[in-house]
Amino acid sequence: WARPRAFERARATPEGKRTCAACDGFGTRACARCEARGRENARRDGEVQARGAWPRWCVDCRGSGRSVCMDCLGTGAHRDPIGFRMGED
């Protein structure tokens, strides 16, 4: 049987930058579509599916249960806002 690996950090955070607060520097987050289950038809109560039922894999994470962090775009480093703000004094 294959054993799952622990999630590794995306890359080393560049010198002088802080890690992303949303993904804690990993570059990935739990998939919101399948709730980190990897399948869209997984039972929420933890029971096994009915006999003959085929898994319907999540299209966002492709069955891994993890998706790219959109706050840091998978780099694991904090991104400052781009552009300028109107109306703030």
Protein backbone atom coordinates (compact mmCIF):
# COMPACT_ATOMS: atom_id res chain seq x y z
CA TRP A 1 0.00 0.00 0.00
CA ALA A 2 1.15 3.49 -0.74
CA ARG A 3 1.47 5.77 2.24
CA PRO A 4 0.51 9.42 1.89
CA ARG A 5 3.34 11.88 2.25
CA ALA A 6 3.16 14.83 4.57
CA PHE A 7 2.53 18.12 2.80
CA GLU A 8 5.77 19.87 2.03
CA ARG A 9 6.28 23.58 1.76
CA ALA A 10 6.09 24.96 -1.79
CA ARG A 11 9.58 26.47 -1.75
CA ALA A 12 11.78 28.17 0.76
CA THR A 13 10.32 31.58 1.55
CA PRO A 14 12.56 34.25 0.00
CA GLU A 15 14.75 36.20 2.37
CA GLY A 16 12.94 39.18 3.91
CA LYS A 17 9.43 37.96 3.00
CA ARG A 18 6.89 36.53 5.39
CA THR A 19 4.88 33.39 4.75
CA CYS A 20 1.31 33.44 3.45
CA ALA A 21 -1.19 33.52 6.30
CA ALA A 22 -3.89 31.68 4.34
CA CYS A 23 -1.86 28.53 3.54
CA ASP A 24 0.83 28.86 6.24
CA GLY A 25 3.56 28.83 3.60
CA PHE A 26 2.58 25.51 1.99
CA GLY A 27 1.23 26.98 -1.25
CA THR A 28 -1.86 24.74 -1.15
CA ARG A 29 -5.11 24.80 0.77
CA ALA A 30 -7.89 22.31 1.43
CA CYS A 31 -10.14 22.11 -1.63
CA ALA A 32 -13.34 24.05 -1.05
CA ARG A 33 -15.37 22.19 -3.67
CA CYS A 34 -14.98 18.67 -2.23
CA GLU A 35 -14.14 19.73 1.35
CA ALA A 36 -10.69 18.05 1.07
CA ARG A 37 -12.18 14.63 0.35
CA GLY A 38 -10.96 14.36 -3.25
CA ARG A 39 -14.33 13.10 -4.48
CA GLU A 40 -17.58 14.89 -5.07
CA ASN A 41 -19.75 11.93 -4.16
CA ALA A 42 -17.95 10.95 -0.95
CA ARG A 43 -20.24 10.34 1.98
CA ARG A 44 -19.97 12.91 4.73
CA ASP A 45 -20.74 10.50 7.56
CA GLY A 46 -17.59 8.48 6.82
CA GLU A 47 -19.36 5.32 5.64
CA VAL A 48 -18.31 3.33 2.62
CA GLN A 49 -20.16 3.98 -0.62
CA ALA A 50 -22.77 1.60 -1.89
CA ARG A 51 -21.60 -1.45 -3.78
CA GLY A 52 -20.95 -0.69 -7.43
CA ALA A 53 -20.79 3.08 -6.95
CA TRP A 54 -17.89 4.65 -8.80
CA PRO A 55 -16.08 7.65 -7.32
CA ARG A 56 -16.69 10.99 -9.00
CA TRP A 57 -13.37 12.76 -8.67
CA CYS A 58 -13.29 16.46 -7.89
CA VAL A 59 -12.48 18.55 -10.96
CA ASP A 60 -10.80 21.35 -8.98
CA CYS A 61 -8.21 19.31 -7.06
CA ARG A 62 -8.28 16.21 -9.34
CA GLY A 63 -8.75 13.91 -6.38
CA SER A 64 -5.91 15.15 -4.19
CA GLY A 65 -8.07 17.15 -1.77
CA ARG A 66 -5.72 20.14 -2.04
CA SER A 67 -5.83 23.14 -4.38
CA VAL A 68 -3.47 26.02 -5.09
CA CYS A 69 -3.68 28.89 -2.62
CA MET A 70 -5.08 31.87 -4.50
CA ASP A 71 -3.73 34.38 -1.97
CA CYS A 72 -0.07 33.61 -2.75
CA LEU A 73 -0.61 31.80 -6.10
CA GLY A 74 1.19 28.71 -4.79
CA THR A 75 4.45 30.41 -3.81
CA GLY A 76 3.90 30.25 -0.05
CA ALA A 77 5.09 33.87 0.37
CA HIS A 78 2.89 36.80 1.43
CA ARG A 79 1.81 39.03 -1.46
CA ASP A 80 1.22 42.73 -0.93
CA PRO A 81 -1.76 44.36 -2.67
CA ILE A 82 -1.03 45.52 -6.20
CA GLY A 83 -1.97 48.99 -7.40
CA PHE A 84 -3.26 51.90 -5.39
CA ARG A 85 -6.31 52.58 -3.23
CA MET A 86 -8.81 55.33 -3.98
CA GLY A 87 -10.52 57.38 -1.31
CA GLU A 88 -8.30 56.53 1.64
CA ASP A 89 -6.60 59.39 3.49
